[in-house]
Amino acid sequence: MAKKLYVGGLPYSTTEDELREAFSQAGAVESASIIMDRMTGRSKGFGFVEMTSDEDAQKGIDLWNGKDFGGRTLTVNEARPMEERPKNNFRGGDRGGYSGGGRGGNTGGGGRSW
């Protein structure tokens, strides 16, 4: 059964192919992915490697955890399931809608003019 590993501390220039190649030294790699920032399109400096067996996964941890990779020290451990996060609500709470305040004429309240 495949086991997914978390790999932190990656150099930001690391490619998925380089990550796959590094962990293939420990055994058969099913997949390798680097997590990218949605806004910038740049690496976040961590990723996941899925090894085909528990034994190969442990070898990958033993081989790379705490070791130098491209000038940075890696943190490698068994990946935990992603926790459920609340969806972002950009309203920022219950502020209501149009305030209609008594200042500023037709500015919609608050005295600001756009």
C-alpha atoms as a PDB file:
ATOM      1  CA  MET A   1       0.000   0.000   0.000  1.00  0.00           C
ATOM      2  CA  ALA A   2       1.289   3.466  -0.906  1.00  0.00           C
ATOM      3  CA  LYS A   3       2.300   5.857   1.834  1.00  0.00           C
ATOM      4  CA  LYS A   4       2.429   9.634   1.437  1.00  0.00           C
ATOM      5  CA  LEU A   5       5.321  11.611   2.894  1.00  0.00           C
ATOM      6  CA  TYR A   6       5.447  15.311   3.740  1.00  0.00           C
ATOM      7  CA  VAL A   7       8.693  16.960   2.592  1.00  0.00           C
ATOM      8  CA  GLY A   8       9.371  20.403   4.058  1.00  0.00           C
ATOM      9  CA  GLY A   9      12.292  22.782   3.702  1.00  0.00           C
ATOM     10  CA  LEU A  10      12.649  22.339  -0.054  1.00  0.00           C
ATOM     11  CA  PRO A  11      14.621  24.946  -1.968  1.00  0.00           C
ATOM     12  CA  TYR A  12      12.100  27.097  -3.848  1.00  0.00           C
ATOM     13  CA  SER A  13      13.730  26.159  -7.163  1.00  0.00           C
ATOM     14  CA  THR A  14      13.172  22.391  -6.695  1.00  0.00           C
ATOM     15  CA  THR A  15      11.190  20.708  -9.471  1.00  0.00           C
ATOM     16  CA  GLU A  16       8.879  17.733  -9.091  1.00  0.00           C
ATOM     17  CA  ASP A  17      11.283  15.674 -11.223  1.00  0.00           C
ATOM     18  CA  GLU A  18      14.169  16.491  -8.864  1.00  0.00           C
ATOM     19  CA  LEU A  19      12.033  15.544  -5.859  1.00  0.00           C
ATOM     20  CA  ARG A  20      11.016  12.264  -7.503  1.00  0.00           C
ATOM     21  CA  GLU A  21      14.630  11.480  -8.410  1.00  0.00           C
ATOM     22  CA  ALA A  22      15.876  12.171  -4.866  1.00  0.00           C
ATOM     23  CA  PHE A  23      13.314   9.875  -3.249  1.00  0.00           C
ATOM     24  CA  SER A  24      13.752   7.152  -5.859  1.00  0.00           C
ATOM     25  CA  GLN A  25      17.055   6.450  -4.094  1.00  0.00           C
ATOM     26  CA  ALA A  26      14.915   4.994  -1.276  1.00  0.00           C
ATOM     27  CA  GLY A  27      12.572   2.958  -3.472  1.00  0.00           C
ATOM     28  CA  ALA A  28       9.720   3.172  -5.934  1.00  0.00           C
ATOM     29  CA  VAL A  29       8.032   6.584  -6.088  1.00  0.00           C
ATOM     30  CA  GLU A  30       4.392   6.633  -7.116  1.00  0.00           C
ATOM     31  CA  SER A  31       4.078  10.436  -7.270  1.00  0.00           C
ATOM     32  CA  ALA A  32       5.877  13.607  -6.287  1.00  0.00           C
ATOM     33  CA  SER A  33       4.300  17.044  -6.061  1.00  0.00           C
ATOM     34  CA  ILE A  34       5.429  20.467  -4.932  1.00  0.00           C
ATOM     35  CA  ILE A  35       2.848  22.824  -3.479  1.00  0.00           C
ATOM     36  CA  MET A  36       2.633  26.136  -5.310  1.00  0.00           C
ATOM     37  CA  ASP A  37       1.290  29.483  -4.113  1.00  0.00           C
ATOM     38  CA  ARG A  38      -1.886  30.279  -6.070  1.00  0.00           C
ATOM     39  CA  MET A  39      -1.254  34.009  -6.136  1.00  0.00           C
ATOM     40  CA  THR A  40       2.406  34.042  -7.207  1.00  0.00           C
ATOM     41  CA  GLY A  41       2.772  30.646  -8.898  1.00  0.00           C
ATOM     42  CA  ARG A  42       5.967  30.066  -6.882  1.00  0.00           C
ATOM     43  CA  SER A  43       6.842  27.083  -4.718  1.00  0.00           C
ATOM     44  CA  LYS A  44       5.849  27.227  -1.060  1.00  0.00           C
ATOM     45  CA  GLY A  45       8.939  25.186  -0.159  1.00  0.00           C
ATOM     46  CA  PHE A  46       7.182  21.922   0.651  1.00  0.00           C
ATOM     47  CA  GLY A  47       5.648  19.010  -1.132  1.00  0.00           C
ATOM     48  CA  PHE A  48       4.533  15.406  -0.954  1.00  0.00           C
ATOM     49  CA  VAL A  49       6.044  12.160  -2.168  1.00  0.00           C
ATOM     50  CA  GLU A  50       3.983   9.002  -2.399  1.00  0.00           C
ATOM     51  CA  MET A  51       6.041   5.850  -2.060  1.00  0.00           C
ATOM     52  CA  THR A  52       4.660   2.522  -3.285  1.00  0.00           C
ATOM     53  CA  SER A  53       5.294   0.660  -0.020  1.00  0.00           C
ATOM     54  CA  ASP A  54       5.539   1.365   3.699  1.00  0.00           C
ATOM     55  CA  GLU A  55       9.096   0.029   3.678  1.00  0.00           C
ATOM     56  CA  ASP A  56      10.185   2.412   0.906  1.00  0.00           C
ATOM     57  CA  ALA A  57       8.479   5.280   2.719  1.00  0.00           C
ATOM     58  CA  GLN A  58      10.445   4.544   5.885  1.00  0.00           C
ATOM     59  CA  LYS A  59      13.654   4.363   3.827  1.00  0.00           C
ATOM     60  CA  GLY A  60      12.797   7.777   2.364  1.00  0.00           C
ATOM     61  CA  ILE A  61      12.336   9.233   5.840  1.00  0.00           C
ATOM     62  CA  ASP A  62      15.597   7.689   7.035  1.00  0.00           C
ATOM     63  CA  LEU A  63      17.456   8.863   3.929  1.00  0.00           C
ATOM     64  CA  TRP A  64      16.261  12.487   3.807  1.00  0.00           C
ATOM     65  CA  ASN A  65      14.903  13.686   7.176  1.00  0.00           C
ATOM     66  CA  GLY A  66      17.333  16.230   8.623  1.00  0.00           C
ATOM     67  CA  LYS A  67      19.600  16.005   5.584  1.00  0.00           C
ATOM     68  CA  ASP A  68      20.833  18.787   3.298  1.00  0.00           C
ATOM     69  CA  PHE A  69      19.068  19.132  -0.041  1.00  0.00           C
ATOM     70  CA  GLY A  70      20.157  22.020  -2.238  1.00  0.00           C
ATOM     71  CA  GLY A  71      21.509  23.962   0.720  1.00  0.00           C
ATOM     72  CA  ARG A  72      18.436  23.538   2.938  1.00  0.00           C
ATOM     73  CA  THR A  73      17.665  20.997   5.652  1.00  0.00           C
ATOM     74  CA  LEU A  74      14.680  18.799   4.860  1.00  0.00           C
ATOM     75  CA  THR A  75      11.938  17.724   7.226  1.00  0.00           C
ATOM     76  CA  VAL A  76      10.455  14.428   6.085  1.00  0.00           C
ATOM     77  CA  ASN A  77       7.700  12.529   7.875  1.00  0.00           C
ATOM     78  CA  GLU A  78       4.513  10.644   7.228  1.00  0.00           C
ATOM     79  CA  ALA A  79       1.892  13.025   5.869  1.00  0.00           C
ATOM     80  CA  ARG A  80      -1.162  13.607   8.019  1.00  0.00           C
ATOM     81  CA  PRO A  81      -4.642  13.865   6.504  1.00  0.00           C
ATOM     82  CA  MET A  82      -5.579  17.407   5.567  1.00  0.00           C
ATOM     83  CA  GLU A  83      -7.720  19.040   8.247  1.00  0.00           C
ATOM     84  CA  GLU A  84     -11.041  20.557   7.310  1.00  0.00           C
ATOM     85  CA  ARG A  85     -10.749  24.344   7.274  1.00  0.00           C
ATOM     86  CA  PRO A  86     -13.645  26.784   7.335  1.00  0.00           C
ATOM     87  CA  LYS A  87     -14.266  28.527   4.037  1.00  0.00           C
ATOM     88  CA  ASN A  88     -13.094  32.131   3.880  1.00  0.00           C
ATOM     89  CA  ASN A  89     -15.884  34.600   4.329  1.00  0.00           C
ATOM     90  CA  PHE A  90     -14.587  37.909   3.103  1.00  0.00           C
ATOM     91  CA  ARG A  91     -17.453  39.826   4.659  1.00  0.00           C
ATOM     92  CA  GLY A  92     -15.609  39.742   7.973  1.00  0.00           C
ATOM     93  CA  GLY A  93     -18.596  39.157  10.191  1.00  0.00           C
ATOM     94  CA  ASP A  94     -22.090  40.564  10.357  1.00  0.00           C
ATOM     95  CA  ARG A  95     -21.629  44.154   9.285  1.00  0.00           C
ATOM     96  CA  GLY A  96     -24.911  44.427   7.502  1.00  0.00           C
ATOM     97  CA  GLY A  97     -25.350  46.307   4.281  1.00  0.00           C
ATOM     98  CA  TYR A  98     -25.957  49.953   3.451  1.00  0.00           C
ATOM     99  CA  SER A  99     -25.625  52.092   6.558  1.00  0.00           C
ATOM    100  CA  GLY A 100     -27.423  55.162   5.231  1.00  0.00           C
ATOM    101  CA  GLY A 101     -25.623  57.323   7.785  1.00  0.00           C
ATOM    102  CA  GLY A 102     -26.587  60.948   8.221  1.00  0.00           C
ATOM    103  CA  ARG A 103     -23.261  62.465   7.119  1.00  0.00           C
ATOM    104  CA  GLY A 104     -21.709  63.197   3.792  1.00  0.00           C
ATOM    105  CA  GLY A 105     -24.666  63.523   1.468  1.00  0.00           C
ATOM    106  CA  ASN A 106     -24.851  60.748  -1.155  1.00  0.00           C
ATOM    107  CA  THR A 107     -21.759  58.824  -0.055  1.00  0.00           C
ATOM    108  CA  GLY A 108     -23.594  55.920   1.526  1.00  0.00           C
ATOM    109  CA  GLY A 109     -22.599  56.818   5.065  1.00  0.00           C
ATOM    110  CA  GLY A 110     -19.330  57.405   6.797  1.00  0.00           C
ATOM    111  CA  GLY A 111     -18.580  60.695   5.083  1.00  0.00           C
ATOM    112  CA  ARG A 112     -16.306  59.165   2.417  1.00  0.00           C
ATOM    113  CA  SER A 113     -16.469  60.348  -1.144  1.00  0.00           C
ATOM    114  CA  TRP A 114     -15.335  58.031  -3.869  1.00  0.00           C
END
